[in-house]
Amino acid sequence: MKMLNDLISTDYGLMSLAVIVFMLGMMWYMYKMVVRKMDEAERSSKTK
């Protein structure tokens, strides 16, 4: 419980939480970008 309290109430905890959220957001963005590029490549190869 102290760990959760430190994560929310201290400056280093909030910065850690911000980094974790940022990294998860970047992971989601990169996943979506790669899937979109794969779909584009598949569609362009079918038209040739």
Protein backbone atom coordinates (compact mmCIF):
# COMPACT_ATOMS: atom_id res chain seq x y z
CA MET A 1 0.00 0.00 0.00
CA LYS A 2 2.90 2.36 0.72
CA MET A 3 4.17 1.80 -2.81
CA LEU A 4 0.84 2.86 -4.31
CA ASN A 5 0.71 5.87 -1.97
CA ASP A 6 4.24 6.88 -3.02
CA LEU A 7 3.36 6.44 -6.69
CA ILE A 8 0.47 8.88 -6.46
CA SER A 9 1.66 11.38 -3.87
CA THR A 10 5.39 11.99 -4.51
CA ASP A 11 7.07 13.87 -7.30
CA TYR A 12 9.22 10.91 -8.36
CA GLY A 13 6.16 8.65 -8.23
CA LEU A 14 4.15 10.95 -10.46
CA MET A 15 7.05 11.23 -12.90
CA SER A 16 7.34 7.44 -12.98
CA LEU A 17 3.62 7.15 -13.61
CA ALA A 18 3.88 9.71 -16.42
CA VAL A 19 6.73 7.76 -18.04
CA ILE A 20 4.81 4.50 -17.79
CA VAL A 21 1.70 6.03 -19.37
CA PHE A 22 3.81 7.70 -22.09
CA MET A 23 5.56 4.44 -22.95
CA LEU A 24 2.25 2.55 -23.13
CA GLY A 25 0.90 5.27 -25.42
CA MET A 26 3.95 5.05 -27.66
CA MET A 27 3.64 1.27 -27.77
CA TRP A 28 -0.01 1.56 -28.88
CA TYR A 29 0.87 4.18 -31.51
CA MET A 30 3.75 2.12 -32.93
CA TYR A 31 1.57 -1.00 -33.06
CA LYS A 32 -1.15 0.84 -34.97
CA MET A 33 1.39 2.38 -37.35
CA VAL A 34 3.01 -0.99 -38.13
CA VAL A 35 -0.35 -2.67 -38.70
CA ARG A 36 -1.41 0.17 -41.02
CA LYS A 37 1.84 -0.07 -43.00
CA MET A 38 1.46 -3.84 -43.31
CA ASP A 39 -2.07 -3.41 -44.64
CA GLU A 40 -0.89 -0.79 -47.15
CA ALA A 41 1.89 -3.09 -48.36
CA GLU A 42 -0.52 -5.99 -48.71
CA ARG A 43 -3.00 -3.90 -50.69
CA SER A 44 -0.33 -2.50 -53.00
CA SER A 45 1.13 -5.93 -53.67
CA LYS A 46 -2.29 -7.29 -54.65
CA THR A 47 -2.81 -4.54 -57.22
CA LYS A 48 0.48 -5.19 -59.01
